[in-house]
C-alpha atoms as a PDB file:
ATOM      1  CA  UNK A   1      -7.627  -4.462  -9.244  1.00  0.00           C
ATOM      2  CA  UNK A   2      -4.982  -1.834  -9.672  1.00  0.00           C
ATOM      3  CA  UNK A   3      -5.522   0.663  -6.931  1.00  0.00           C
ATOM      4  CA  UNK A   4      -8.221   1.743  -4.539  1.00  0.00           C
ATOM      5  CA  UNK A   5      -9.071   5.034  -2.914  1.00  0.00           C
ATOM      6  CA  UNK A   6      -8.345   5.768   0.734  1.00  0.00           C
ATOM      7  CA  UNK A   7      -8.895   2.753   2.948  1.00  0.00           C
ATOM      8  CA  UNK A   8     -11.452   1.404   0.465  1.00  0.00           C
ATOM      9  CA  UNK A   9      -9.127  -1.367  -0.703  1.00  0.00           C
ATOM     10  CA  UNK A  10      -9.284  -3.009   2.719  1.00  0.00           C
ATOM     11  CA  UNK A  11     -12.990  -2.214   3.042  1.00  0.00           C
ATOM     12  CA  UNK A  12     -13.944  -3.453  -0.420  1.00  0.00           C
ATOM     13  CA  UNK A  13     -11.921  -6.627  -0.073  1.00  0.00           C
ATOM     14  CA  UNK A  14     -12.771  -7.352   3.572  1.00  0.00           C
ATOM     15  CA  UNK A  15     -14.672 -10.524   2.638  1.00  0.00           C
ATOM     16  CA  UNK A  16     -12.018 -11.787   0.233  1.00  0.00           C
ATOM     17  CA  UNK A  17      -9.611 -14.559   1.239  1.00  0.00           C
ATOM     18  CA  UNK A  18      -6.123 -13.500   2.267  1.00  0.00           C
ATOM     19  CA  UNK A  19      -2.980 -15.480   2.916  1.00  0.00           C
ATOM     20  CA  UNK A  20      -1.498 -15.461   6.397  1.00  0.00           C
ATOM     21  CA  UNK A  21       2.026 -14.844   5.116  1.00  0.00           C
ATOM     22  CA  UNK A  22       3.232 -11.234   5.143  1.00  0.00           C
ATOM     23  CA  UNK A  23       6.586 -10.926   3.410  1.00  0.00           C
ATOM     24  CA  UNK A  24       9.255  -8.285   3.207  1.00  0.00           C
ATOM     25  CA  UNK A  25       9.936  -7.171  -0.357  1.00  0.00           C
ATOM     26  CA  UNK A  26      12.545  -4.915  -1.931  1.00  0.00           C
ATOM     27  CA  UNK A  27      12.155  -2.975  -5.172  1.00  0.00           C
ATOM     28  CA  UNK A  28      14.887  -4.422  -7.359  1.00  0.00           C
ATOM     29  CA  UNK A  29      14.039  -2.535 -10.560  1.00  0.00           C
ATOM     30  CA  UNK A  30      11.740   0.294 -11.658  1.00  0.00           C
ATOM     31  CA  UNK A  31      10.937   1.574 -15.127  1.00  0.00           C
ATOM     32  CA  UNK A  32       8.235   3.453 -17.001  1.00  0.00           C
ATOM     33  CA  UNK A  33       5.836   1.335 -19.044  1.00  0.00           C
ATOM     34  CA  UNK A  34       3.939   4.398 -20.259  1.00  0.00           C
ATOM     35  CA  UNK A  35       3.600   8.056 -19.369  1.00  0.00           C
ATOM     36  CA  UNK A  36       1.320   7.059 -16.473  1.00  0.00           C
ATOM     37  CA  UNK A  37       2.356   3.509 -15.480  1.00  0.00           C
ATOM     38  CA  UNK A  38       5.474   2.312 -13.665  1.00  0.00           C
ATOM     39  CA  UNK A  39       6.694  -1.279 -13.566  1.00  0.00           C
ATOM     40  CA  UNK A  40       8.108  -2.519 -10.264  1.00  0.00           C
ATOM     41  CA  UNK A  41      10.103  -5.730  -9.954  1.00  0.00           C
ATOM     42  CA  UNK A  42      10.223  -6.801  -6.320  1.00  0.00           C
ATOM     43  CA  UNK A  43      12.485  -9.363  -4.683  1.00  0.00           C
ATOM     44  CA  UNK A  44      10.521 -11.536  -2.235  1.00  0.00           C
ATOM     45  CA  UNK A  45      12.313 -12.694   0.908  1.00  0.00           C
ATOM     46  CA  UNK A  46       9.811 -15.206   2.356  1.00  0.00           C
ATOM     47  CA  UNK A  47       9.898 -18.620   0.670  1.00  0.00           C
ATOM     48  CA  UNK A  48       6.360 -19.325   1.962  1.00  0.00           C
ATOM     49  CA  UNK A  49       4.964 -16.437  -0.105  1.00  0.00           C
ATOM     50  CA  UNK A  50       2.936 -17.764  -3.061  1.00  0.00           C
ATOM     51  CA  UNK A  51       0.093 -16.648  -5.313  1.00  0.00           C
ATOM     52  CA  UNK A  52      -2.179 -17.751  -8.131  1.00  0.00           C
ATOM     53  CA  UNK A  53      -2.299 -16.004 -11.507  1.00  0.00           C
ATOM     54  CA  UNK A  54      -4.735 -13.091 -11.180  1.00  0.00           C
ATOM     55  CA  UNK A  55      -4.462 -12.448  -7.450  1.00  0.00           C
ATOM     56  CA  UNK A  56      -3.455  -9.145  -5.842  1.00  0.00           C
ATOM     57  CA  UNK A  57      -1.295  -8.000  -2.950  1.00  0.00           C
ATOM     58  CA  UNK A  58      -1.939  -5.715  -0.021  1.00  0.00           C
ATOM     59  CA  UNK A  59       1.048  -3.366   0.010  1.00  0.00           C
ATOM     60  CA  UNK A  60       2.180  -1.918   3.346  1.00  0.00           C
ATOM     61  CA  UNK A  61       4.468   1.067   2.807  1.00  0.00           C
ATOM     62  CA  UNK A  62       6.572   2.554   5.637  1.00  0.00           C
ATOM     63  CA  UNK A  63       5.340   6.061   6.418  1.00  0.00           C
ATOM     64  CA  UNK A  64       2.120   5.668   4.378  1.00  0.00           C
ATOM     65  CA  UNK A  65      -0.989   4.926   6.442  1.00  0.00           C
ATOM     66  CA  UNK A  66      -3.092   3.772   3.494  1.00  0.00           C
ATOM     67  CA  UNK A  67      -2.738   0.163   2.371  1.00  0.00           C
ATOM     68  CA  UNK A  68      -2.402  -0.291  -1.388  1.00  0.00           C
ATOM     69  CA  UNK A  69      -3.992  -3.025  -3.457  1.00  0.00           C
ATOM     70  CA  UNK A  70      -2.225  -4.051  -6.671  1.00  0.00           C
ATOM     71  CA  UNK A  71      -2.645  -7.063  -8.952  1.00  0.00           C
ATOM     72  CA  UNK A  72       0.365  -9.106  -9.985  1.00  0.00           C
ATOM     73  CA  UNK A  73       1.320  -8.728 -13.648  1.00  0.00           C
ATOM     74  CA  UNK A  74       3.804 -11.591 -13.519  1.00  0.00           C
ATOM     75  CA  UNK A  75       2.881 -15.294 -13.482  1.00  0.00           C
ATOM     76  CA  UNK A  76       3.579 -17.614 -10.537  1.00  0.00           C
ATOM     77  CA  UNK A  77       6.604 -19.246 -12.167  1.00  0.00           C
ATOM     78  CA  UNK A  78       8.532 -15.957 -12.072  1.00  0.00           C
ATOM     79  CA  UNK A  79       8.249 -16.106  -8.289  1.00  0.00           C
ATOM     80  CA  UNK A  80       9.211 -19.765  -8.000  1.00  0.00           C
ATOM     81  CA  UNK A  81      12.123 -19.493 -10.447  1.00  0.00           C
ATOM     82  CA  UNK A  82      13.469 -16.000  -9.751  1.00  0.00           C
ATOM     83  CA  UNK A  83      11.992 -14.990  -6.382  1.00  0.00           C
ATOM     84  CA  UNK A  84      10.243 -11.957  -7.879  1.00  0.00           C
ATOM     85  CA  UNK A  85       6.829 -10.493  -8.554  1.00  0.00           C
ATOM     86  CA  UNK A  86       6.078  -7.687 -11.015  1.00  0.00           C
ATOM     87  CA  UNK A  87       3.545  -4.899 -10.488  1.00  0.00           C
ATOM     88  CA  UNK A  88       2.446  -2.258 -13.021  1.00  0.00           C
ATOM     89  CA  UNK A  89       1.010   0.732 -11.175  1.00  0.00           C
ATOM     90  CA  UNK A  90      -0.802   3.698 -12.679  1.00  0.00           C
ATOM     91  CA  UNK A  91      -0.213   7.188 -11.315  1.00  0.00           C
ATOM     92  CA  UNK A  92      -2.885   8.672  -9.061  1.00  0.00           C
ATOM     93  CA  UNK A  93      -3.183  10.826  -5.948  1.00  0.00           C
ATOM     94  CA  UNK A  94      -4.078   7.681  -3.990  1.00  0.00           C
ATOM     95  CA  UNK A  95      -1.285   7.607  -1.357  1.00  0.00           C
ATOM     96  CA  UNK A  96       0.305   4.220  -2.210  1.00  0.00           C
ATOM     97  CA  UNK A  97       0.297   4.886  -5.973  1.00  0.00           C
ATOM     98  CA  UNK A  98       1.495   8.455  -5.399  1.00  0.00           C
ATOM     99  CA  UNK A  99       4.360   7.184  -3.226  1.00  0.00           C
ATOM    100  CA  UNK A 100       5.376   4.701  -5.906  1.00  0.00           C
ATOM    101  CA  UNK A 101       5.484   7.392  -8.588  1.00  0.00           C
ATOM    102  CA  UNK A 102       7.097  10.157  -6.518  1.00  0.00           C
ATOM    103  CA  UNK A 103       9.182   8.624  -3.707  1.00  0.00           C
ATOM    104  CA  UNK A 104       9.798   4.937  -4.350  1.00  0.00           C
ATOM    105  CA  UNK A 105      13.196   3.987  -5.724  1.00  0.00           C
ATOM    106  CA  UNK A 106      15.275   0.896  -6.306  1.00  0.00           C
ATOM    107  CA  UNK A 107      16.155  -0.480  -2.882  1.00  0.00           C
ATOM    108  CA  UNK A 108      12.947   0.741  -1.211  1.00  0.00           C
ATOM    109  CA  UNK A 109      11.318  -1.841   1.053  1.00  0.00           C
ATOM    110  CA  UNK A 110       7.644  -2.701   1.571  1.00  0.00           C
ATOM    111  CA  UNK A 111       5.597  -5.557   3.008  1.00  0.00           C
ATOM    112  CA  UNK A 112       3.179  -7.645   0.916  1.00  0.00           C
ATOM    113  CA  UNK A 113       0.285 -10.025   1.560  1.00  0.00           C
ATOM    114  CA  UNK A 114      -1.553 -12.002  -1.142  1.00  0.00           C
ATOM    115  CA  UNK A 115      -5.336 -11.985  -1.427  1.00  0.00           C
ATOM    116  CA  UNK A 116      -8.269 -12.422  -3.760  1.00  0.00           C
ATOM    117  CA  UNK A 117     -10.514 -15.059  -5.297  1.00  0.00           C
ATOM    118  CA  UNK A 118     -10.104 -13.871  -8.901  1.00  0.00           C
ATOM    119  CA  UNK A 119      -7.541 -16.207 -10.427  1.00  0.00           C
ATOM    120  CA  UNK A 120      -6.733 -18.783 -13.091  1.00  0.00           C
ATOM    121  CA  UNK A 121      -5.347 -21.952 -11.557  1.00  0.00           C
ATOM    122  CA  UNK A 122      -6.241 -25.093 -13.533  1.00  0.00           C
ATOM    123  CA  UNK A 123      -5.503 -28.337 -11.728  1.00  0.00           C
ATOM    124  CA  UNK A 124      -4.742 -31.681 -13.406  1.00  0.00           C
ATOM    125  CA  UNK A 125      -7.833 -33.462 -12.101  1.00  0.00           C
ATOM    126  CA  UNK A 126     -10.263 -30.958 -13.665  1.00  0.00           C
ATOM    127  CA  UNK A 127     -11.317 -30.830 -17.316  1.00  0.00           C
ATOM    128  CA  UNK A 128      -9.172 -28.357 -19.305  1.00  0.00           C
ATOM    129  CA  UNK A 129     -10.999 -25.185 -20.345  1.00  0.00           C
ATOM    130  CA  UNK A 130     -10.427 -22.497 -22.962  1.00  0.00           C
ATOM    131  CA  UNK A 131      -9.800 -18.925 -21.873  1.00  0.00           C
ATOM    132  CA  UNK A 132     -11.148 -15.511 -22.905  1.00  0.00           C
ATOM    133  CA  UNK A 133      -9.552 -12.446 -21.308  1.00  0.00           C
ATOM    134  CA  UNK A 134     -11.166  -9.002 -21.648  1.00  0.00           C
ATOM    135  CA  UNK A 135      -8.981  -6.176 -20.317  1.00  0.00           C
ATOM    136  CA  UNK A 136      -9.549  -2.446 -19.949  1.00  0.00           C
ATOM    137  CA  UNK A 137      -6.586  -0.178 -19.141  1.00  0.00           C
ATOM    138  CA  UNK A 138      -4.409  -1.347 -16.254  1.00  0.00           C
ATOM    139  CA  UNK A 139      -7.008  -4.058 -15.705  1.00  0.00           C
ATOM    140  CA  UNK A 140      -4.698  -5.981 -18.022  1.00  0.00           C
ATOM    141  CA  UNK A 141      -2.358  -6.727 -15.093  1.00  0.00           C
ATOM    142  CA  UNK A 142      -4.023  -9.867 -13.658  1.00  0.00           C
ATOM    143  CA  UNK A 143      -5.040 -11.033 -17.128  1.00  0.00           C
ATOM    144  CA  UNK A 144      -1.463 -10.759 -18.397  1.00  0.00           C
ATOM    145  CA  UNK A 145      -0.459 -12.930 -15.437  1.00  0.00           C
ATOM    146  CA  UNK A 146      -3.166 -15.429 -16.395  1.00  0.00           C
ATOM    147  CA  UNK A 147      -2.181 -15.544 -20.072  1.00  0.00           C
ATOM    148  CA  UNK A 148       1.459 -16.208 -19.207  1.00  0.00           C
ATOM    149  CA  UNK A 149       0.340 -18.981 -16.848  1.00  0.00           C
ATOM    150  CA  UNK A 150      -1.945 -20.370 -19.578  1.00  0.00           C
ATOM    151  CA  UNK A 151       1.058 -20.657 -21.898  1.00  0.00           C
ATOM    152  CA  UNK A 152       2.865 -22.733 -19.267  1.00  0.00           C
ATOM    153  CA  UNK A 153      -0.207 -24.916 -18.619  1.00  0.00           C
ATOM    154  CA  UNK A 154      -0.746 -25.410 -22.360  1.00  0.00           C
ATOM    155  CA  UNK A 155       2.434 -27.456 -22.551  1.00  0.00           C
ATOM    156  CA  UNK A 156       1.051 -30.085 -20.163  1.00  0.00           C
ATOM    157  CA  UNK A 157      -2.649 -30.102 -21.125  1.00  0.00           C
ATOM    158  CA  UNK A 158      -4.289 -33.331 -22.281  1.00  0.00           C
ATOM    159  CA  UNK A 159      -5.998 -31.464 -25.140  1.00  0.00           C
ATOM    160  CA  UNK A 160      -5.224 -28.406 -27.233  1.00  0.00           C
ATOM    161  CA  UNK A 161      -6.592 -25.359 -25.446  1.00  0.00           C
ATOM    162  CA  UNK A 162      -7.309 -21.932 -26.901  1.00  0.00           C
ATOM    163  CA  UNK A 163      -6.966 -18.488 -25.359  1.00  0.00           C
ATOM    164  CA  UNK A 164      -8.002 -15.097 -26.716  1.00  0.00           C
ATOM    165  CA  UNK A 165      -7.333 -11.673 -25.206  1.00  0.00           C
ATOM    166  CA  UNK A 166      -9.075  -8.419 -26.131  1.00  0.00           C
ATOM    167  CA  UNK A 167      -7.284  -5.429 -24.575  1.00  0.00           C
ATOM    168  CA  UNK A 168      -8.327  -1.782 -24.835  1.00  0.00           C
ATOM    169  CA  UNK A 169      -6.655   1.393 -23.583  1.00  0.00           C
ATOM    170  CA  UNK A 170      -6.972   5.083 -24.338  1.00  0.00           C
ATOM    171  CA  UNK A 171      -3.931   5.209 -26.633  1.00  0.00           C
ATOM    172  CA  UNK A 172      -1.108   3.038 -27.916  1.00  0.00           C
ATOM    173  CA  UNK A 173       1.263   4.217 -25.169  1.00  0.00           C
ATOM    174  CA  UNK A 174      -1.182   2.959 -22.529  1.00  0.00           C
ATOM    175  CA  UNK A 175      -1.359  -0.539 -24.033  1.00  0.00           C
ATOM    176  CA  UNK A 176       1.148  -1.675 -21.436  1.00  0.00           C
ATOM    177  CA  UNK A 177       2.908  -4.993 -22.113  1.00  0.00           C
ATOM    178  CA  UNK A 178       1.839  -4.650 -25.774  1.00  0.00           C
ATOM    179  CA  UNK A 179       5.085  -6.043 -27.177  1.00  0.00           C
ATOM    180  CA  UNK A 180       5.206  -8.871 -24.635  1.00  0.00           C
ATOM    181  CA  UNK A 181       1.606  -9.813 -25.424  1.00  0.00           C
ATOM    182  CA  UNK A 182       2.241  -9.802 -29.179  1.00  0.00           C
ATOM    183  CA  UNK A 183       5.318 -11.989 -28.723  1.00  0.00           C
ATOM    184  CA  UNK A 184       3.419 -14.368 -26.433  1.00  0.00           C
ATOM    185  CA  UNK A 185       0.577 -14.728 -28.949  1.00  0.00           C
ATOM    186  CA  UNK A 186       3.026 -15.396 -31.772  1.00  0.00           C
ATOM    187  CA  UNK A 187       5.019 -17.943 -29.773  1.00  0.00           C
ATOM    188  CA  UNK A 188       2.157 -19.885 -28.163  1.00  0.00           C
ATOM    189  CA  UNK A 189      -0.123 -22.265 -30.028  1.00  0.00           C
ATOM    190  CA  UNK A 190      -3.816 -21.258 -30.119  1.00  0.00           C
ATOM    191  CA  UNK A 191      -3.323 -17.863 -28.454  1.00  0.00           C
ATOM    192  CA  UNK A 192      -4.905 -14.860 -30.175  1.00  0.00           C
ATOM    193  CA  UNK A 193      -4.702 -11.167 -29.315  1.00  0.00           C
ATOM    194  CA  UNK A 194      -6.688  -8.104 -30.361  1.00  0.00           C
ATOM    195  CA  UNK A 195      -5.663  -4.599 -29.272  1.00  0.00           C
ATOM    196  CA  UNK A 196      -7.842  -1.478 -29.219  1.00  0.00           C
ATOM    197  CA  UNK A 197      -7.235   2.261 -28.696  1.00  0.00           C
ATOM    198  CA  UNK A 198     -10.349   4.138 -27.633  1.00  0.00           C
ATOM    199  CA  UNK A 199      -9.276   7.805 -27.820  1.00  0.00           C
ATOM    200  CA  UNK A 200      -6.205   8.237 -30.016  1.00  0.00           C
ATOM    201  CA  UNK A 201      -6.035   6.636 -33.446  1.00  0.00           C
ATOM    202  CA  UNK A 202      -3.160   4.118 -33.472  1.00  0.00           C
ATOM    203  CA  UNK A 203      -0.320   4.503 -35.946  1.00  0.00           C
ATOM    204  CA  UNK A 204      -0.148   0.799 -36.771  1.00  0.00           C
ATOM    205  CA  UNK A 205      -2.615  -1.419 -38.595  1.00  0.00           C
ATOM    206  CA  UNK A 206      -2.691  -4.252 -36.054  1.00  0.00           C
ATOM    207  CA  UNK A 207      -4.371  -2.076 -33.399  1.00  0.00           C
ATOM    208  CA  UNK A 208      -8.050  -1.207 -33.848  1.00  0.00           C
ATOM    209  CA  UNK A 209      -9.428   2.282 -33.208  1.00  0.00           C
ATOM    210  CA  UNK A 210     -12.495   2.293 -30.959  1.00  0.00           C
ATOM    211  CA  UNK A 211     -13.959   0.378 -28.072  1.00  0.00           C
ATOM    212  CA  UNK A 212     -14.320  -3.385 -27.847  1.00  0.00           C
ATOM    213  CA  UNK A 213     -17.707  -4.021 -29.455  1.00  0.00           C
ATOM    214  CA  UNK A 214     -20.230  -6.781 -28.904  1.00  0.00           C
ATOM    215  CA  UNK A 215     -19.276  -8.230 -32.296  1.00  0.00           C
ATOM    216  CA  UNK A 216     -15.620  -8.438 -31.212  1.00  0.00           C
ATOM    217  CA  UNK A 217     -16.548 -10.402 -28.091  1.00  0.00           C
ATOM    218  CA  UNK A 218     -18.917 -12.689 -30.021  1.00  0.00           C
ATOM    219  CA  UNK A 219     -16.226 -13.360 -32.625  1.00  0.00           C
ATOM    220  CA  UNK A 220     -13.696 -14.269 -29.928  1.00  0.00           C
ATOM    221  CA  UNK A 221     -16.169 -16.563 -28.168  1.00  0.00           C
ATOM    222  CA  UNK A 222     -16.957 -18.319 -31.456  1.00  0.00           C
ATOM    223  CA  UNK A 223     -13.320 -19.434 -31.675  1.00  0.00           C
ATOM    224  CA  UNK A 224     -13.494 -21.133 -28.269  1.00  0.00           C
ATOM    225  CA  UNK A 225     -15.421 -24.081 -26.893  1.00  0.00           C
ATOM    226  CA  UNK A 226     -18.169 -21.999 -25.270  1.00  0.00           C
ATOM    227  CA  UNK A 227     -19.288 -24.857 -23.035  1.00  0.00           C
ATOM    228  CA  UNK A 228     -15.742 -25.431 -21.801  1.00  0.00           C
ATOM    229  CA  UNK A 229     -14.377 -21.917 -21.426  1.00  0.00           C
ATOM    230  CA  UNK A 230     -13.737 -19.452 -18.623  1.00  0.00           C
ATOM    231  CA  UNK A 231     -14.022 -15.723 -19.247  1.00  0.00           C
ATOM    232  CA  UNK A 232     -12.113 -13.243 -17.092  1.00  0.00           C
ATOM    233  CA  UNK A 233     -12.865  -9.506 -17.172  1.00  0.00           C
ATOM    234  CA  UNK A 234     -10.882  -6.740 -15.494  1.00  0.00           C
ATOM    235  CA  UNK A 235     -11.133  -2.984 -15.904  1.00  0.00           C
ATOM    236  CA  UNK A 236     -13.157   0.039 -14.782  1.00  0.00           C
ATOM    237  CA  UNK A 237     -16.755  -0.592 -13.744  1.00  0.00           C
ATOM    238  CA  UNK A 238     -18.392   0.636 -17.009  1.00  0.00           C
ATOM    239  CA  UNK A 239     -16.061  -1.643 -18.977  1.00  0.00           C
ATOM    240  CA  UNK A 240     -16.982  -4.629 -16.802  1.00  0.00           C
ATOM    241  CA  UNK A 241     -20.713  -4.028 -17.234  1.00  0.00           C
ATOM    242  CA  UNK A 242     -20.387  -3.719 -21.016  1.00  0.00           C
ATOM    243  CA  UNK A 243     -18.266  -6.868 -21.336  1.00  0.00           C
ATOM    244  CA  UNK A 244     -20.608  -8.881 -19.080  1.00  0.00           C
ATOM    245  CA  UNK A 245     -23.507  -7.864 -21.317  1.00  0.00           C
ATOM    246  CA  UNK A 246     -21.617  -8.821 -24.488  1.00  0.00           C
ATOM    247  CA  UNK A 247     -20.727 -12.234 -23.037  1.00  0.00           C
ATOM    248  CA  UNK A 248     -24.282 -12.894 -21.892  1.00  0.00           C
ATOM    249  CA  UNK A 249     -25.707 -11.998 -25.304  1.00  0.00           C
ATOM    250  CA  UNK A 250     -23.371 -14.608 -26.804  1.00  0.00           C
ATOM    251  CA  UNK A 251     -25.029 -17.256 -24.660  1.00  0.00           C
ATOM    252  CA  UNK A 252     -22.208 -17.731 -22.168  1.00  0.00           C
ATOM    253  CA  UNK A 253     -23.243 -19.145 -18.788  1.00  0.00           C
ATOM    254  CA  UNK A 254     -22.957 -16.665 -15.917  1.00  0.00           C
ATOM    255  CA  UNK A 255     -20.988 -19.304 -14.020  1.00  0.00           C
ATOM    256  CA  UNK A 256     -18.256 -19.030 -16.649  1.00  0.00           C
ATOM    257  CA  UNK A 257     -17.864 -15.241 -16.317  1.00  0.00           C
ATOM    258  CA  UNK A 258     -15.426 -14.026 -13.664  1.00  0.00           C
ATOM    259  CA  UNK A 259     -14.642 -10.368 -13.113  1.00  0.00           C
ATOM    260  CA  UNK A 260     -12.752  -7.921 -10.953  1.00  0.00           C
ATOM    261  CA  UNK A 261     -13.224  -4.170 -11.089  1.00  0.00           C
ATOM    262  CA  UNK A 262     -10.370  -1.727 -11.259  1.00  0.00           C
ATOM    263  CA  UNK A 263     -11.468   0.931  -8.778  1.00  0.00           C
ATOM    264  CA  UNK A 264     -10.711   4.471  -9.865  1.00  0.00           C
ATOM    265  CA  UNK A 265      -9.230   6.667  -7.125  1.00  0.00           C
ATOM    266  CA  UNK A 266     -11.621   9.264  -5.742  1.00  0.00           C
END
């Protein structure tokens, strides 16, 4: 989830679990990740505030009636070690996103509450599982959080695990966190990354031109233990439907496919 239209975030997520803790947060740093996406680093004041990789926050903004819904891009250890969460928010006319892009500044204050049942949180008593992450556009946010958390978990796993991310965006500029993802894949054992640009031909050879195809998904799945893997999908609704179909045609159990739709503003 990146943003939702009107009050639809609260409506669409009404049945989802939410934490009781509502924390004050202050924007400590802002910068542009692309021509349309801003990165916010927020200092969290409440020590009881916690989240799992992949979850989102309700954002309550002073003077803005609409509640925003934004997935964390940072992993849980950034919160525990540095007291921060990171959000990457795409521009839209949706009031919270519009406020972030036009009025928010370093030092601005908001309130946050964690929610969602879309997350990666392996526990020691369960059997370790491989990971496939399929991201479309800013749907990469929760999956980037998951992949960073996977890298931490990999160091204490009882067996070698594998992770593979396929990430598509309209152009190279919109492949947010591209450099961080490449560095993570190079530095972490058994992590692979494939990048795709769907509208503008990339200038570099390590980014494919075109959409993520069924053959790309099947190839990624073949490198994992299909019976012991979890697949997480996040992106616009048409992307989700296509990726679900590609995973199913590879023989993946529906119970292993987890997805969250990035709702386009209306």
